[in-house]
Amino acid sequence: MLEQPKGASVKELVENIAKALVDFPEAVRVTSVEGSQVKVPEIRTHPSDLGKVIGKEGRTAKAIRTILSAGSMKLKKRYTLEILEEEKAAHSGR
């Protein structure tokens, strides 16, 4: 089995989960902001897909955070997920 960089695999995991949930997977962007003790994967989606990633009463977002938490224990690094709406100007062609 090939070893992947630890940060890249978490980013890819979050990106694959988000893309599987939305209607516009090409609009999903995952960036990672790194602090001294925590990494923050940020999911940006098409405005109409924001609710699909968050889910009813935040259940889908909580499930993604649970998976992220379980993976972070193995990597011995703390991760905090942020879900952001993509700016509308980016999709309107301006």
C-alpha atoms as a PDB file:
ATOM      1  CA  MET A   1       0.000   0.000   0.000  1.00  0.00           C
ATOM      2  CA  LEU A   2       1.343   3.435  -0.941  1.00  0.00           C
ATOM      3  CA  GLU A   3       1.811   6.017   1.803  1.00  0.00           C
ATOM      4  CA  GLN A   4       0.191   9.386   1.189  1.00  0.00           C
ATOM      5  CA  PRO A   5       1.034  12.617   2.984  1.00  0.00           C
ATOM      6  CA  LYS A   6      -1.175  12.727   6.070  1.00  0.00           C
ATOM      7  CA  GLY A   7      -2.678  16.171   5.431  1.00  0.00           C
ATOM      8  CA  ALA A   8      -3.468  15.358   1.809  1.00  0.00           C
ATOM      9  CA  SER A   9      -5.378  12.199   2.699  1.00  0.00           C
ATOM     10  CA  VAL A  10      -7.651  14.028   5.157  1.00  0.00           C
ATOM     11  CA  LYS A  11      -8.297  16.785   2.601  1.00  0.00           C
ATOM     12  CA  GLU A  12      -9.129  14.179  -0.045  1.00  0.00           C
ATOM     13  CA  LEU A  13     -11.419  12.329   2.369  1.00  0.00           C
ATOM     14  CA  VAL A  14     -13.399  15.488   3.148  1.00  0.00           C
ATOM     15  CA  GLU A  15     -13.527  16.445  -0.537  1.00  0.00           C
ATOM     16  CA  ASN A  16     -14.777  13.002  -1.625  1.00  0.00           C
ATOM     17  CA  ILE A  17     -17.495  12.975   1.035  1.00  0.00           C
ATOM     18  CA  ALA A  18     -18.660  16.478   0.096  1.00  0.00           C
ATOM     19  CA  LYS A  19     -18.679  15.730  -3.647  1.00  0.00           C
ATOM     20  CA  ALA A  20     -20.795  12.625  -3.050  1.00  0.00           C
ATOM     21  CA  LEU A  21     -23.463  14.702  -1.290  1.00  0.00           C
ATOM     22  CA  VAL A  22     -23.963  17.644  -3.666  1.00  0.00           C
ATOM     23  CA  ASP A  23     -25.597  18.342  -7.040  1.00  0.00           C
ATOM     24  CA  PHE A  24     -22.619  20.389  -8.283  1.00  0.00           C
ATOM     25  CA  PRO A  25     -19.511  18.343  -7.346  1.00  0.00           C
ATOM     26  CA  GLU A  26     -17.338  20.430  -9.661  1.00  0.00           C
ATOM     27  CA  ALA A  27     -18.032  23.464  -7.432  1.00  0.00           C
ATOM     28  CA  VAL A  28     -16.735  21.770  -4.264  1.00  0.00           C
ATOM     29  CA  ARG A  29     -13.425  23.197  -3.059  1.00  0.00           C
ATOM     30  CA  VAL A  30     -11.585  22.003   0.022  1.00  0.00           C
ATOM     31  CA  THR A  31      -8.720  24.056   1.378  1.00  0.00           C
ATOM     32  CA  SER A  32      -6.777  23.439   4.537  1.00  0.00           C
ATOM     33  CA  VAL A  33      -5.755  26.173   6.954  1.00  0.00           C
ATOM     34  CA  GLU A  34      -3.052  25.028   9.333  1.00  0.00           C
ATOM     35  CA  GLY A  35      -2.404  26.339  12.810  1.00  0.00           C
ATOM     36  CA  SER A  36       0.128  25.225  15.389  1.00  0.00           C
ATOM     37  CA  GLN A  37      -2.202  22.676  17.004  1.00  0.00           C
ATOM     38  CA  VAL A  38      -5.143  22.339  14.635  1.00  0.00           C
ATOM     39  CA  LYS A  39      -5.802  21.948  10.923  1.00  0.00           C
ATOM     40  CA  VAL A  40      -9.027  23.397   9.548  1.00  0.00           C
ATOM     41  CA  PRO A  41     -10.350  21.816   6.347  1.00  0.00           C
ATOM     42  CA  GLU A  42     -12.731  24.332   4.753  1.00  0.00           C
ATOM     43  CA  ILE A  43     -15.444  23.076   2.404  1.00  0.00           C
ATOM     44  CA  ARG A  44     -16.774  25.595  -0.096  1.00  0.00           C
ATOM     45  CA  THR A  45     -19.841  24.625  -2.119  1.00  0.00           C
ATOM     46  CA  HIS A  46     -22.253  26.011  -4.655  1.00  0.00           C
ATOM     47  CA  PRO A  47     -24.841  28.106  -2.756  1.00  0.00           C
ATOM     48  CA  SER A  48     -27.665  25.661  -3.562  1.00  0.00           C
ATOM     49  CA  ASP A  49     -25.625  22.731  -2.178  1.00  0.00           C
ATOM     50  CA  LEU A  50     -24.841  24.256   1.195  1.00  0.00           C
ATOM     51  CA  GLY A  51     -27.877  22.625   2.835  1.00  0.00           C
ATOM     52  CA  LYS A  52     -26.938  19.207   1.477  1.00  0.00           C
ATOM     53  CA  VAL A  53     -23.530  19.346   3.171  1.00  0.00           C
ATOM     54  CA  ILE A  54     -24.982  20.659   6.435  1.00  0.00           C
ATOM     55  CA  GLY A  55     -28.066  18.408   6.471  1.00  0.00           C
ATOM     56  CA  LYS A  56     -31.209  18.640   8.578  1.00  0.00           C
ATOM     57  CA  GLU A  57     -30.371  20.109  11.963  1.00  0.00           C
ATOM     58  CA  GLY A  58     -26.676  19.815  11.043  1.00  0.00           C
ATOM     59  CA  ARG A  59     -26.710  16.022  11.123  1.00  0.00           C
ATOM     60  CA  THR A  60     -24.675  15.543   7.942  1.00  0.00           C
ATOM     61  CA  ALA A  61     -22.069  18.082   9.045  1.00  0.00           C
ATOM     62  CA  LYS A  62     -21.890  16.379  12.443  1.00  0.00           C
ATOM     63  CA  ALA A  63     -21.364  12.999  10.759  1.00  0.00           C
ATOM     64  CA  ILE A  64     -18.519  14.401   8.634  1.00  0.00           C
ATOM     65  CA  ARG A  65     -16.977  15.914  11.770  1.00  0.00           C
ATOM     66  CA  THR A  66     -17.254  12.543  13.533  1.00  0.00           C
ATOM     67  CA  ILE A  67     -15.374  10.812  10.704  1.00  0.00           C
ATOM     68  CA  LEU A  68     -12.783  13.586  10.758  1.00  0.00           C
ATOM     69  CA  SER A  69     -12.411  13.225  14.513  1.00  0.00           C
ATOM     70  CA  ALA A  70     -11.890   9.467  14.281  1.00  0.00           C
ATOM     71  CA  GLY A  71      -9.240   9.918  11.592  1.00  0.00           C
ATOM     72  CA  SER A  72      -7.509  12.675  13.505  1.00  0.00           C
ATOM     73  CA  MET A  73      -7.020  10.424  16.533  1.00  0.00           C
ATOM     74  CA  LYS A  74      -5.004   8.035  14.403  1.00  0.00           C
ATOM     75  CA  LEU A  75      -2.952  10.899  12.945  1.00  0.00           C
ATOM     76  CA  LYS A  76      -2.506  12.502  16.384  1.00  0.00           C
ATOM     77  CA  LYS A  77      -3.544  15.890  14.995  1.00  0.00           C
ATOM     78  CA  ARG A  78      -6.671  17.924  15.723  1.00  0.00           C
ATOM     79  CA  TYR A  79      -8.990  18.840  12.840  1.00  0.00           C
ATOM     80  CA  THR A  80     -11.918  21.269  12.876  1.00  0.00           C
ATOM     81  CA  LEU A  81     -14.258  21.319   9.872  1.00  0.00           C
ATOM     82  CA  GLU A  82     -15.609  24.580   8.444  1.00  0.00           C
ATOM     83  CA  ILE A  83     -18.381  24.682   5.831  1.00  0.00           C
ATOM     84  CA  LEU A  84     -18.484  27.882   3.789  1.00  0.00           C
ATOM     85  CA  GLU A  85     -20.715  29.136   1.007  1.00  0.00           C
ATOM     86  CA  GLU A  86     -18.883  29.915  -2.246  1.00  0.00           C
ATOM     87  CA  GLU A  87     -19.200  33.550  -3.231  1.00  0.00           C
ATOM     88  CA  LYS A  88     -21.994  34.050  -5.743  1.00  0.00           C
ATOM     89  CA  ALA A  89     -19.783  36.206  -7.985  1.00  0.00           C
ATOM     90  CA  ALA A  90     -17.583  33.173  -8.626  1.00  0.00           C
ATOM     91  CA  HIS A  91     -20.533  31.338 -10.176  1.00  0.00           C
ATOM     92  CA  SER A  92     -22.178  34.195 -12.050  1.00  0.00           C
ATOM     93  CA  GLY A  93     -19.227  34.690 -14.406  1.00  0.00           C
ATOM     94  CA  ARG A  94     -18.364  38.209 -13.195  1.00  0.00           C
END
